[in-house]
Amino acid sequence: MKTAEKNTTAAKAKTTGAKTKAAPSKSKTASKTSATGVVKAKTSAADGLRELFVDSLKDIYWAEKALVKALPKMAKNATSENLVKAINDHLTVTQEQAARLEKVFSLIGEKAVAKKCDAMDGLIKEGQGIMEETEKGPVRDAGIIAASQKIEHYEIATYGTLAAFATTLGEDDAVLLLEKTLAEEKEADSLLTEAAYNTINFDAAEEDNE
């Protein structure tokens, strides 16, 4: 009888173990079902183009204000006079762009509110990381330019999209302001490219060869 009881207990243990091992497969199935690729919208999600337009304006408004704080640090860590000047000049432009966005908000009858922009937050942090990982000099300057151009490209894409949204919504006065900022971002990108190819990248390459 004792032997029979042991066999029965062992059989139950095996069954329990099998059930325990099978449990994760159920959760995996549930996970796959919920991860069908369709994102569940938040209760505050935009359900119209105008709402998406306003939400995007809030994002870029936060981004411009964050840049006003980040650009002086980049300028302090740059060594090329041309690069320092380009960053400081763009700081002034960025302050004007933030003020211009406030006008856009006013034109469309909305309050100027900044909503954290995860993309810009990540780009600024990446720029900080590049400065921490490079010695001050041509190599860091090259890294600052790379980080700055990523920021400019993001802004170019954003303002281009916002101008298109405003056009579709018939906000013609807002379109003019957004396109002015778009042109400024493109110019800033060109100036950074010139600074990189004229001296900085070459100096950085020479430093690597020493």
N, C-alpha and C. Protein backbone atom coordinates (compact mmCIF):
# COMPACT_ATOMS: atom_id res chain seq x y z
N MET A 1 0.82 -1.20 0.00
CA MET A 1 0.00 0.00 0.00
C MET A 1 0.86 1.25 0.00
N LYS A 2 1.90 1.22 0.77
CA LYS A 2 2.78 2.38 0.82
C LYS A 2 3.36 2.68 -0.55
N THR A 3 3.73 1.60 -1.24
CA THR A 3 4.29 1.78 -2.58
C THR A 3 3.25 2.39 -3.50
N ALA A 4 2.01 1.93 -3.40
CA ALA A 4 0.92 2.44 -4.24
C ALA A 4 0.67 3.91 -3.94
N GLU A 5 0.71 4.25 -2.63
CA GLU A 5 0.49 5.65 -2.24
C GLU A 5 1.58 6.55 -2.81
N LYS A 6 2.82 6.04 -2.76
CA LYS A 6 3.96 6.82 -3.31
C LYS A 6 3.77 7.06 -4.80
N ASN A 7 3.35 6.00 -5.51
CA ASN A 7 3.15 6.12 -6.96
C ASN A 7 2.05 7.14 -7.27
N THR A 8 0.96 7.09 -6.43
CA THR A 8 -0.15 8.03 -6.64
C THR A 8 0.31 9.46 -6.40
N THR A 9 1.10 9.66 -5.33
CA THR A 9 1.63 11.00 -5.01
C THR A 9 2.54 11.51 -6.12
N ALA A 10 3.39 10.60 -6.62
CA ALA A 10 4.31 10.98 -7.70
C ALA A 10 3.55 11.36 -8.95
N ALA A 11 2.48 10.61 -9.23
CA ALA A 11 1.67 10.89 -10.42
C ALA A 11 1.02 12.25 -10.31
N LYS A 12 0.49 12.57 -9.08
CA LYS A 12 -0.12 13.89 -8.86
C LYS A 12 0.89 15.01 -9.03
N ALA A 13 2.11 14.76 -8.52
CA ALA A 13 3.18 15.77 -8.62
C ALA A 13 3.50 16.05 -10.07
N LYS A 14 3.57 14.97 -10.86
CA LYS A 14 3.87 15.14 -12.29
C LYS A 14 2.77 15.94 -12.98
N THR A 15 1.51 15.61 -12.62
CA THR A 15 0.37 16.31 -13.22
C THR A 15 0.41 17.79 -12.85
N THR A 16 0.69 18.07 -11.56
CA THR A 16 0.78 19.45 -11.10
C THR A 16 1.90 20.19 -11.80
N GLY A 17 3.04 19.50 -11.95
CA GLY A 17 4.19 20.09 -12.62
C GLY A 17 3.87 20.41 -14.06
N ALA A 18 3.14 19.50 -14.71
CA ALA A 18 2.78 19.72 -16.11
C ALA A 18 1.89 20.94 -16.23
N LYS A 19 0.93 21.05 -15.25
CA LYS A 19 0.04 22.20 -15.28
C LYS A 19 0.81 23.49 -15.06
N THR A 20 1.78 23.43 -14.13
CA THR A 20 2.59 24.62 -13.83
C THR A 20 3.39 25.05 -15.04
N LYS A 21 3.94 24.10 -15.76
CA LYS A 21 4.73 24.42 -16.95
C LYS A 21 3.84 24.92 -18.07
N ALA A 22 2.61 24.44 -18.11
CA ALA A 22 1.71 24.82 -19.20
C ALA A 22 1.21 26.25 -19.03
N ALA A 23 1.19 26.75 -17.77
CA ALA A 23 0.65 28.08 -17.49
C ALA A 23 1.29 29.19 -18.30
N PRO A 24 2.66 29.21 -18.39
CA PRO A 24 3.28 30.29 -19.15
C PRO A 24 2.82 30.34 -20.59
N SER A 25 2.56 29.16 -21.20
CA SER A 25 2.14 29.14 -22.59
C SER A 25 0.81 29.86 -22.76
N LYS A 26 -0.07 29.79 -21.71
CA LYS A 26 -1.34 30.49 -21.78
C LYS A 26 -1.12 31.99 -21.78
N SER A 27 -0.18 32.46 -20.91
CA SER A 27 0.09 33.89 -20.84
C SER A 27 0.72 34.38 -22.13
N LYS A 28 1.54 33.51 -22.75
CA LYS A 28 2.15 33.89 -24.02
C LYS A 28 1.07 34.06 -25.08
N THR A 29 0.09 33.15 -25.07
CA THR A 29 -1.00 33.23 -26.04
C THR A 29 -1.78 34.52 -25.84
N ALA A 30 -2.03 34.85 -24.55
CA ALA A 30 -2.76 36.08 -24.23
C ALA A 30 -1.97 37.30 -24.69
N SER A 31 -0.64 37.23 -24.49
CA SER A 31 0.22 38.33 -24.89
C SER A 31 0.18 38.53 -26.40
N LYS A 32 0.20 37.45 -27.14
CA LYS A 32 0.17 37.54 -28.61
C LYS A 32 -1.16 38.11 -29.08
N THR A 33 -2.21 37.74 -28.39
CA THR A 33 -3.54 38.23 -28.76
C THR A 33 -3.62 39.73 -28.57
N SER A 34 -3.04 40.25 -27.47
CA SER A 34 -3.08 41.68 -27.20
C SER A 34 -2.07 42.46 -28.03
N ALA A 35 -1.08 41.74 -28.57
CA ALA A 35 -0.05 42.41 -29.38
C ALA A 35 -0.30 42.16 -30.86
N THR A 36 -1.51 42.48 -31.30
CA THR A 36 -1.86 42.25 -32.70
C THR A 36 -1.36 43.37 -33.60
N GLY A 37 -0.77 44.40 -33.00
CA GLY A 37 -0.29 45.52 -33.80
C GLY A 37 -1.21 46.72 -33.73
N VAL A 38 -2.41 46.53 -33.20
CA VAL A 38 -3.36 47.63 -33.06
C VAL A 38 -3.15 48.29 -31.70
N VAL A 39 -2.78 49.57 -31.71
CA VAL A 39 -2.50 50.29 -30.47
C VAL A 39 -3.80 50.82 -29.87
N LYS A 40 -4.00 50.53 -28.60
CA LYS A 40 -5.19 51.02 -27.92
C LYS A 40 -5.01 52.50 -27.61
N ALA A 41 -5.95 53.30 -28.04
CA ALA A 41 -5.85 54.75 -27.84
C ALA A 41 -6.16 55.14 -26.41
N LYS A 42 -5.53 56.22 -25.95
CA LYS A 42 -5.82 56.77 -24.63
C LYS A 42 -7.20 57.43 -24.65
N THR A 43 -7.76 57.63 -23.49
CA THR A 43 -9.07 58.28 -23.42
C THR A 43 -9.00 59.72 -23.92
N SER A 44 -7.80 60.31 -23.85
CA SER A 44 -7.62 61.69 -24.28
C SER A 44 -7.11 61.79 -25.73
N ALA A 45 -7.14 60.67 -26.44
CA ALA A 45 -6.58 60.64 -27.80
C ALA A 45 -7.34 61.56 -28.75
N ALA A 46 -6.58 62.13 -29.70
CA ALA A 46 -7.18 63.00 -30.72
C ALA A 46 -8.04 62.17 -31.66
N ASP A 47 -9.24 62.67 -31.96
CA ASP A 47 -10.10 61.95 -32.90
C ASP A 47 -10.36 62.77 -34.16
N GLY A 48 -9.58 63.83 -34.34
CA GLY A 48 -9.71 64.66 -35.53
C GLY A 48 -8.38 65.31 -35.87
N LEU A 49 -8.23 65.76 -37.12
CA LEU A 49 -6.96 66.35 -37.56
C LEU A 49 -6.63 67.62 -36.77
N ARG A 50 -7.64 68.40 -36.44
CA ARG A 50 -7.39 69.63 -35.69
C ARG A 50 -6.78 69.31 -34.32
N GLU A 51 -7.34 68.31 -33.67
CA GLU A 51 -6.80 67.93 -32.35
C GLU A 51 -5.37 67.43 -32.47
N LEU A 52 -5.10 66.67 -33.52
CA LEU A 52 -3.73 66.18 -33.74
C LEU A 52 -2.80 67.35 -34.02
N PHE A 53 -3.27 68.33 -34.77
CA PHE A 53 -2.50 69.53 -35.08
C PHE A 53 -2.14 70.28 -33.80
N VAL A 54 -3.13 70.50 -32.95
CA VAL A 54 -2.90 71.23 -31.69
C VAL A 54 -1.95 70.44 -30.79
N ASP A 55 -2.14 69.13 -30.73
CA ASP A 55 -1.29 68.28 -29.90
C ASP A 55 0.15 68.34 -30.38
N SER A 56 0.34 68.35 -31.70
CA SER A 56 1.69 68.41 -32.28
C SER A 56 2.33 69.77 -32.02
N LEU A 57 1.52 70.81 -32.03
CA LEU A 57 2.02 72.15 -31.70
C LEU A 57 2.54 72.20 -30.26
N LYS A 58 1.81 71.56 -29.36
CA LYS A 58 2.23 71.52 -27.96
C LYS A 58 3.57 70.80 -27.81
N ASP A 59 3.74 69.73 -28.58
CA ASP A 59 5.00 68.98 -28.56
C ASP A 59 6.18 69.84 -28.98
N ILE A 60 6.04 70.49 -30.14
CA ILE A 60 7.17 71.26 -30.67
C ILE A 60 7.40 72.53 -29.85
N TYR A 61 6.36 73.03 -29.21
CA TYR A 61 6.51 74.19 -28.32
C TYR A 61 7.39 73.80 -27.13
N TRP A 62 7.15 72.61 -26.57
CA TRP A 62 7.99 72.10 -25.49
C TRP A 62 9.42 71.91 -26.00
N ALA A 63 9.54 71.37 -27.21
CA ALA A 63 10.85 71.10 -27.80
C ALA A 63 11.67 72.37 -27.94
N GLU A 64 11.04 73.45 -28.43
CA GLU A 64 11.76 74.71 -28.62
C GLU A 64 12.22 75.28 -27.28
N LYS A 65 11.36 75.20 -26.28
CA LYS A 65 11.72 75.72 -24.96
C LYS A 65 12.85 74.89 -24.34
N ALA A 66 12.84 73.58 -24.60
CA ALA A 66 13.91 72.72 -24.10
C ALA A 66 15.23 73.04 -24.79
N LEU A 67 15.16 73.35 -26.07
CA LEU A 67 16.37 73.70 -26.83
C LEU A 67 16.99 75.00 -26.34
N VAL A 68 16.15 75.93 -25.94
CA VAL A 68 16.65 77.21 -25.41
C VAL A 68 17.56 76.96 -24.21
N LYS A 69 17.26 75.91 -23.45
CA LYS A 69 18.09 75.56 -22.30
C LYS A 69 19.31 74.73 -22.69
N ALA A 70 19.17 73.92 -23.74
CA ALA A 70 20.24 73.00 -24.13
C ALA A 70 21.33 73.63 -24.99
N LEU A 71 20.96 74.58 -25.85
CA LEU A 71 21.93 75.16 -26.79
C LEU A 71 23.11 75.88 -26.11
N PRO A 72 22.89 76.66 -25.04
CA PRO A 72 24.03 77.31 -24.39
C PRO A 72 25.08 76.32 -23.90
N LYS A 73 24.64 75.16 -23.44
CA LYS A 73 25.59 74.14 -22.96
C LYS A 73 26.40 73.60 -24.13
N MET A 74 25.76 73.43 -25.28
CA MET A 74 26.48 72.96 -26.47
C MET A 74 27.53 73.99 -26.88
N ALA A 75 27.14 75.27 -26.83
CA ALA A 75 28.07 76.34 -27.21
C ALA A 75 29.29 76.37 -26.29
N LYS A 76 29.07 76.15 -24.99
CA LYS A 76 30.17 76.16 -24.03
C LYS A 76 31.13 75.00 -24.24
N ASN A 77 30.64 73.91 -24.81
CA ASN A 77 31.47 72.73 -25.02
C ASN A 77 32.10 72.67 -26.39
N ALA A 78 31.73 73.59 -27.26
CA ALA A 78 32.31 73.64 -28.61
C ALA A 78 33.58 74.47 -28.59
N THR A 79 34.52 74.16 -29.46
CA THR A 79 35.79 74.92 -29.51
C THR A 79 35.93 75.72 -30.80
N SER A 80 35.31 75.27 -31.88
CA SER A 80 35.38 76.00 -33.14
C SER A 80 34.59 77.31 -33.04
N GLU A 81 35.22 78.41 -33.41
CA GLU A 81 34.55 79.70 -33.35
C GLU A 81 33.31 79.73 -34.24
N ASN A 82 33.43 79.12 -35.42
CA ASN A 82 32.29 79.08 -36.34
C ASN A 82 31.12 78.31 -35.74
N LEU A 83 31.44 77.20 -35.07
CA LEU A 83 30.39 76.38 -34.47
C LEU A 83 29.74 77.10 -33.31
N VAL A 84 30.55 77.72 -32.46
CA VAL A 84 30.02 78.48 -31.32
C VAL A 84 29.08 79.57 -31.81
N LYS A 85 29.51 80.28 -32.85
CA LYS A 85 28.67 81.36 -33.41
C LYS A 85 27.37 80.80 -33.98
N ALA A 86 27.47 79.68 -34.70
CA ALA A 86 26.29 79.08 -35.31
C ALA A 86 25.28 78.67 -34.24
N ILE A 87 25.78 78.10 -33.13
CA ILE A 87 24.89 77.66 -32.05
C ILE A 87 24.25 78.86 -31.35
N ASN A 88 25.06 79.89 -31.07
CA ASN A 88 24.53 81.07 -30.39
C ASN A 88 23.52 81.82 -31.27
N ASP A 89 23.82 81.88 -32.56
CA ASP A 89 22.87 82.52 -33.49
C ASP A 89 21.55 81.75 -33.52
N HIS A 90 21.67 80.42 -33.51
CA HIS A 90 20.45 79.61 -33.56
C HIS A 90 19.68 79.68 -32.24
N LEU A 91 20.37 79.96 -31.16
CA LEU A 91 19.69 80.14 -29.88
C LEU A 91 18.72 81.32 -29.96
N THR A 92 19.20 82.42 -30.55
CA THR A 92 18.35 83.60 -30.73
C THR A 92 17.16 83.27 -31.61
N VAL A 93 17.43 82.53 -32.69
CA VAL A 93 16.37 82.14 -33.62
C VAL A 93 15.36 81.22 -32.92
N THR A 94 15.86 80.32 -32.10
CA THR A 94 14.99 79.38 -31.39
C THR A 94 14.05 80.11 -30.43
N GLN A 95 14.57 81.12 -29.77
CA GLN A 95 13.73 81.93 -28.87
C GLN A 95 12.62 82.61 -29.66
N GLU A 96 12.96 83.09 -30.86
CA GLU A 96 11.97 83.73 -31.72
C GLU A 96 10.94 82.70 -32.21
N GLN A 97 11.41 81.49 -32.47
CA GLN A 97 10.51 80.43 -32.95
C GLN A 97 9.50 80.03 -31.88
N ALA A 98 9.95 80.00 -30.64
CA ALA A 98 9.04 79.69 -29.53
C ALA A 98 7.96 80.76 -29.42
N ALA A 99 8.38 82.02 -29.56
CA ALA A 99 7.43 83.14 -29.52
C ALA A 99 6.47 83.08 -30.71
N ARG A 100 7.00 82.64 -31.86
CA ARG A 100 6.17 82.53 -33.07
C ARG A 100 5.10 81.45 -32.89
N LEU A 101 5.46 80.38 -32.20
CA LEU A 101 4.49 79.32 -31.94
C LEU A 101 3.35 79.83 -31.06
N GLU A 102 3.68 80.73 -30.14
CA GLU A 102 2.65 81.32 -29.29
C GLU A 102 1.65 82.10 -30.15
N LYS A 103 2.17 82.73 -31.21
CA LYS A 103 1.28 83.45 -32.14
C LYS A 103 0.39 82.47 -32.90
N VAL A 104 0.97 81.32 -33.26
CA VAL A 104 0.19 80.29 -33.96
C VAL A 104 -0.96 79.81 -33.08
N PHE A 105 -0.64 79.55 -31.81
CA PHE A 105 -1.68 79.13 -30.86
C PHE A 105 -2.80 80.18 -30.80
N SER A 106 -2.39 81.44 -30.74
CA SER A 106 -3.36 82.53 -30.64
C SER A 106 -4.22 82.60 -31.90
N LEU A 107 -3.60 82.42 -33.06
CA LEU A 107 -4.33 82.49 -34.33
C LEU A 107 -5.40 81.43 -34.45
N ILE A 108 -5.14 80.25 -33.89
CA ILE A 108 -6.11 79.17 -34.01
C ILE A 108 -7.03 79.07 -32.78
N GLY A 109 -6.91 80.09 -31.90
CA GLY A 109 -7.80 80.15 -30.75
C GLY A 109 -7.49 79.16 -29.64
N GLU A 110 -6.23 78.83 -29.50
CA GLU A 110 -5.81 77.87 -28.47
C GLU A 110 -4.81 78.52 -27.52
N LYS A 111 -4.77 78.02 -26.29
CA LYS A 111 -3.81 78.50 -25.30
C LYS A 111 -2.46 77.83 -25.56
N ALA A 112 -1.38 78.61 -25.46
CA ALA A 112 -0.03 78.06 -25.67
C ALA A 112 0.35 77.18 -24.49
N VAL A 113 0.37 75.89 -24.73
CA VAL A 113 0.70 74.92 -23.68
C VAL A 113 1.80 74.00 -24.20
N ALA A 114 2.80 73.75 -23.37
CA ALA A 114 3.90 72.85 -23.75
C ALA A 114 3.61 71.44 -23.23
N LYS A 115 3.72 70.47 -24.12
CA LYS A 115 3.55 69.07 -23.74
C LYS A 115 4.86 68.35 -24.03
N LYS A 116 5.39 67.63 -23.06
CA LYS A 116 6.70 67.01 -23.22
C LYS A 116 6.81 66.24 -24.53
N CYS A 117 7.87 66.56 -25.27
CA CYS A 117 8.14 65.91 -26.55
C CYS A 117 9.20 64.83 -26.31
N ASP A 118 8.79 63.58 -26.33
CA ASP A 118 9.73 62.48 -26.05
C ASP A 118 10.86 62.42 -27.07
N ALA A 119 10.55 62.74 -28.32
CA ALA A 119 11.58 62.69 -29.37
C ALA A 119 12.68 63.71 -29.11
N MET A 120 12.28 64.96 -28.83
CA MET A 120 13.29 65.99 -28.58
C MET A 120 14.04 65.72 -27.28
N ASP A 121 13.33 65.23 -26.29
CA ASP A 121 13.98 64.90 -25.01
C ASP A 121 15.08 63.86 -25.26
N GLY A 122 14.79 62.87 -26.09
CA GLY A 122 15.78 61.84 -26.40
C GLY A 122 16.95 62.39 -27.19
N LEU A 123 16.69 63.28 -28.14
CA LEU A 123 17.76 63.86 -28.96
C LEU A 123 18.68 64.74 -28.12
N ILE A 124 18.11 65.49 -27.21
CA ILE A 124 18.93 66.35 -26.33
C ILE A 124 19.80 65.48 -25.42
N LYS A 125 19.20 64.41 -24.90
CA LYS A 125 19.97 63.50 -24.04
C LYS A 125 21.09 62.81 -24.83
N GLU A 126 20.82 62.49 -26.08
CA GLU A 126 21.85 61.88 -26.92
C GLU A 126 23.01 62.85 -27.13
N GLY A 127 22.68 64.12 -27.33
CA GLY A 127 23.72 65.14 -27.49
C GLY A 127 24.56 65.27 -26.22
N GLN A 128 23.90 65.21 -25.07
CA GLN A 128 24.62 65.24 -23.79
C GLN A 128 25.56 64.05 -23.69
N GLY A 129 25.06 62.89 -24.10
CA GLY A 129 25.89 61.67 -24.06
C GLY A 129 27.11 61.77 -24.95
N ILE A 130 26.94 62.35 -26.12
CA ILE A 130 28.07 62.52 -27.05
C ILE A 130 29.14 63.42 -26.43
N MET A 131 28.70 64.49 -25.77
CA MET A 131 29.67 65.39 -25.14
C MET A 131 30.41 64.70 -24.00
N GLU A 132 29.71 63.85 -23.28
CA GLU A 132 30.34 63.13 -22.17
C GLU A 132 31.33 62.08 -22.65
N GLU A 133 31.13 61.57 -23.87
CA GLU A 133 31.95 60.49 -24.39
C GLU A 133 33.08 60.96 -25.30
N THR A 134 33.26 62.29 -25.43
CA THR A 134 34.31 62.81 -26.29
C THR A 134 35.13 63.87 -25.55
N GLU A 135 36.41 63.93 -25.88
CA GLU A 135 37.27 64.96 -25.30
C GLU A 135 36.97 66.29 -25.99
N LYS A 136 37.10 67.38 -25.25
CA LYS A 136 36.83 68.69 -25.82
C LYS A 136 37.84 68.97 -26.93
N GLY A 137 37.35 69.42 -28.07
CA GLY A 137 38.20 69.66 -29.23
C GLY A 137 37.45 69.30 -30.50
N PRO A 138 38.16 69.07 -31.61
CA PRO A 138 37.52 68.80 -32.90
C PRO A 138 36.57 67.60 -32.88
N VAL A 139 36.93 66.55 -32.14
CA VAL A 139 36.08 65.36 -32.12
C VAL A 139 34.75 65.68 -31.44
N ARG A 140 34.81 66.39 -30.31
CA ARG A 140 33.55 66.77 -29.64
C ARG A 140 32.76 67.72 -30.52
N ASP A 141 33.45 68.63 -31.20
CA ASP A 141 32.76 69.56 -32.10
C ASP A 141 32.00 68.78 -33.17
N ALA A 142 32.66 67.77 -33.73
CA ALA A 142 32.01 66.95 -34.76
C ALA A 142 30.79 66.24 -34.17
N GLY A 143 30.90 65.78 -32.94
CA GLY A 143 29.77 65.12 -32.27
C GLY A 143 28.63 66.08 -32.01
N ILE A 144 28.96 67.31 -31.62
CA ILE A 144 27.93 68.33 -31.37
C ILE A 144 27.18 68.65 -32.66
N ILE A 145 27.92 68.73 -33.76
CA ILE A 145 27.28 68.99 -35.06
C ILE A 145 26.34 67.84 -35.42
N ALA A 146 26.81 66.62 -35.22
CA ALA A 146 25.98 65.45 -35.54
C ALA A 146 24.69 65.47 -34.72
N ALA A 147 24.81 65.75 -33.42
CA ALA A 147 23.63 65.80 -32.55
C ALA A 147 22.71 66.95 -32.96
N SER A 148 23.30 68.09 -33.29
CA SER A 148 22.51 69.27 -33.68
C SER A 148 21.74 69.03 -34.97
N GLN A 149 22.39 68.35 -35.92
CA GLN A 149 21.70 68.11 -37.19
C GLN A 149 20.56 67.11 -37.03
N LYS A 150 20.70 66.16 -36.13
CA LYS A 150 19.58 65.26 -35.87
C LYS A 150 18.39 66.05 -35.34
N ILE A 151 18.70 67.02 -34.49
CA ILE A 151 17.64 67.89 -33.94
C ILE A 151 17.00 68.70 -35.06
N GLU A 152 17.85 69.28 -35.93
CA GLU A 152 17.33 70.09 -37.03
C GLU A 152 16.46 69.25 -37.96
N HIS A 153 16.90 68.03 -38.26
CA HIS A 153 16.12 67.17 -39.16
C HIS A 153 14.76 66.82 -38.55
N TYR A 154 14.73 66.62 -37.24
CA TYR A 154 13.47 66.35 -36.57
C TYR A 154 12.55 67.57 -36.67
N GLU A 155 13.13 68.73 -36.46
CA GLU A 155 12.32 69.96 -36.52
C GLU A 155 11.84 70.24 -37.94
N ILE A 156 12.68 69.98 -38.92
CA ILE A 156 12.28 70.16 -40.32
C ILE A 156 11.08 69.28 -40.65
N ALA A 157 11.16 68.01 -40.22
CA ALA A 157 10.05 67.08 -40.46
C ALA A 157 8.79 67.55 -39.73
N THR A 158 8.96 68.02 -38.51
CA THR A 158 7.80 68.44 -37.70
C THR A 158 7.13 69.68 -38.27
N TYR A 159 7.92 70.70 -38.58
CA TYR A 159 7.32 71.94 -39.10
C TYR A 159 6.73 71.74 -40.49
N GLY A 160 7.34 70.87 -41.28
CA GLY A 160 6.78 70.56 -42.59
C GLY A 160 5.41 69.92 -42.45
N THR A 161 5.30 69.00 -41.51
CA THR A 161 4.02 68.32 -41.25
C THR A 161 2.99 69.30 -40.70
N LEU A 162 3.40 70.15 -39.75
CA LEU A 162 2.48 71.12 -39.16
C LEU A 162 1.95 72.10 -40.21
N ALA A 163 2.82 72.52 -41.11
CA ALA A 163 2.40 73.44 -42.19
C ALA A 163 1.37 72.75 -43.10
N ALA A 164 1.59 71.47 -43.36
CA ALA A 164 0.66 70.71 -44.20
C ALA A 164 -0.69 70.56 -43.48
N PHE A 165 -0.65 70.27 -42.18
CA PHE A 165 -1.89 70.17 -41.40
C PHE A 165 -2.65 71.50 -41.44
N ALA A 166 -1.92 72.60 -41.21
CA ALA A 166 -2.54 73.92 -41.17
C ALA A 166 -3.17 74.27 -42.52
N THR A 167 -2.50 73.88 -43.59
CA THR A 167 -3.04 74.12 -44.94
C THR A 167 -4.36 73.37 -45.13
N THR A 168 -4.37 72.12 -44.73
CA THR A 168 -5.58 71.29 -44.85
C THR A 168 -6.72 71.86 -44.02
N LEU A 169 -6.39 72.41 -42.85
CA LEU A 169 -7.41 72.95 -41.94
C LEU A 169 -7.83 74.38 -42.30
N GLY A 170 -7.18 74.95 -43.32
CA GLY A 170 -7.53 76.29 -43.76
C GLY A 170 -6.99 77.39 -42.86
N GLU A 171 -5.97 77.07 -42.07
CA GLU A 171 -5.35 78.06 -41.17
C GLU A 171 -4.19 78.74 -41.91
N ASP A 172 -4.55 79.59 -42.86
CA ASP A 172 -3.55 80.18 -43.76
C ASP A 172 -2.52 81.06 -43.05
N ASP A 173 -2.96 81.85 -42.06
CA ASP A 173 -2.02 82.71 -41.33
C ASP A 173 -1.02 81.86 -40.54
N ALA A 174 -1.50 80.75 -39.99
CA ALA A 174 -0.62 79.85 -39.25
C ALA A 174 0.39 79.20 -40.20
N VAL A 175 -0.07 78.89 -41.41
CA VAL A 175 0.82 78.28 -42.41
C VAL A 175 2.03 79.17 -42.67
N LEU A 176 1.79 80.47 -42.83
CA LEU A 176 2.88 81.41 -43.12
C LEU A 176 3.92 81.41 -42.00
N LEU A 177 3.46 81.40 -40.76
CA LEU A 177 4.39 81.41 -39.62
C LEU A 177 5.16 80.10 -39.54
N LEU A 178 4.48 78.98 -39.76
CA LEU A 178 5.13 77.67 -39.66
C LEU A 178 6.14 77.48 -40.80
N GLU A 179 5.81 77.97 -41.97
CA GLU A 179 6.73 77.85 -43.11
C GLU A 179 7.96 78.75 -42.92
N LYS A 180 7.79 79.87 -42.23
CA LYS A 180 8.94 80.73 -41.94
C LYS A 180 9.92 80.00 -41.02
N THR A 181 9.38 79.33 -40.01
CA THR A 181 10.23 78.56 -39.10
C THR A 181 10.87 77.40 -39.83
N LEU A 182 10.12 76.74 -40.70
CA LEU A 182 10.65 75.63 -41.49
C LEU A 182 11.86 76.08 -42.30
N ALA A 183 11.77 77.26 -42.93
CA ALA A 183 12.88 77.79 -43.72
C ALA A 183 14.09 78.06 -42.84
N GLU A 184 13.86 78.55 -41.64
CA GLU A 184 14.97 78.83 -40.70
C GLU A 184 15.67 77.54 -40.28
N GLU A 185 14.89 76.49 -40.06
CA GLU A 185 15.48 75.20 -39.66
C GLU A 185 16.34 74.62 -40.78
N LYS A 186 15.87 74.77 -42.01
CA LYS A 186 16.63 74.28 -43.16
C LYS A 186 17.94 75.06 -43.32
N GLU A 187 17.87 76.37 -43.07
CA GLU A 187 19.07 77.20 -43.15
C GLU A 187 20.07 76.80 -42.07
N ALA A 188 19.58 76.55 -40.85
CA ALA A 188 20.45 76.15 -39.75
C ALA A 188 21.14 74.83 -40.06
N ASP A 189 20.42 73.91 -40.66
CA ASP A 189 20.98 72.62 -41.05
C ASP A 189 22.10 72.80 -42.06
N SER A 190 21.89 73.70 -43.03
CA SER A 190 22.91 73.97 -44.05
C SER A 190 24.17 74.58 -43.43
N LEU A 191 23.98 75.49 -42.47
CA LEU A 191 25.13 76.12 -41.81
C LEU A 191 25.94 75.09 -41.02
N LEU A 192 25.25 74.16 -40.39
CA LEU A 192 25.94 73.11 -39.64
C LEU A 192 26.72 72.20 -40.59
N THR A 193 26.15 71.92 -41.74
CA THR A 193 26.82 71.08 -42.73
C THR A 193 28.09 71.77 -43.23
N GLU A 194 28.00 73.07 -43.48
CA GLU A 194 29.17 73.84 -43.93
C GLU A 194 30.25 73.82 -42.87
N ALA A 195 29.86 74.03 -41.62
CA ALA A 195 30.84 74.03 -40.52
C ALA A 195 31.53 72.68 -40.41
N ALA A 196 30.77 71.61 -40.62
CA ALA A 196 31.34 70.26 -40.50
C ALA A 196 32.33 69.98 -41.62
N TYR A 197 31.94 70.29 -42.85
CA TYR A 197 32.78 69.93 -43.99
C TYR A 197 33.92 70.91 -44.24
N ASN A 198 33.78 72.13 -43.78
CA ASN A 198 34.85 73.11 -44.01
C ASN A 198 36.09 72.82 -43.16
N THR A 199 35.90 72.53 -41.89
CA THR A 199 37.07 72.33 -41.03
C THR A 199 36.92 71.23 -39.99
N ILE A 200 35.81 71.23 -39.29
CA ILE A 200 35.69 70.42 -38.08
C ILE A 200 35.91 68.94 -38.30
N ASN A 201 35.21 68.34 -39.26
CA ASN A 201 35.35 66.90 -39.49
C ASN A 201 36.76 66.53 -39.92
N PHE A 202 37.38 67.43 -40.71
CA PHE A 202 38.75 67.16 -41.15
C PHE A 202 39.73 67.24 -39.99
N ASP A 203 39.51 68.21 -39.09
CA ASP A 203 40.37 68.33 -37.92
C ASP A 203 40.23 67.11 -37.02
N ALA A 204 39.00 66.63 -36.91
CA ALA A 204 38.74 65.46 -36.08
C ALA A 204 39.42 64.24 -36.67
N ALA A 205 39.40 64.11 -38.00
CA ALA A 205 40.03 62.98 -38.67
C ALA A 205 41.55 63.02 -38.48
N GLU A 206 42.13 64.23 -38.56
CA GLU A 206 43.57 64.39 -38.37
C GLU A 206 43.96 64.02 -36.94
N GLU A 207 43.12 64.37 -36.00
CA GLU A 207 43.40 64.05 -34.60
C GLU A 207 43.42 62.54 -34.39
N ASP A 208 42.55 61.82 -35.11
CA ASP A 208 42.53 60.36 -35.00
C ASP A 208 43.80 59.73 -35.56
N ASN A 209 44.39 60.41 -36.55
CA ASN A 209 45.58 59.86 -37.20
C ASN A 209 46.87 60.16 -36.44
N GLU A 210 46.79 61.02 -35.46
CA GLU A 210 48.01 61.39 -34.71
C GLU A 210 48.43 60.27 -33.76
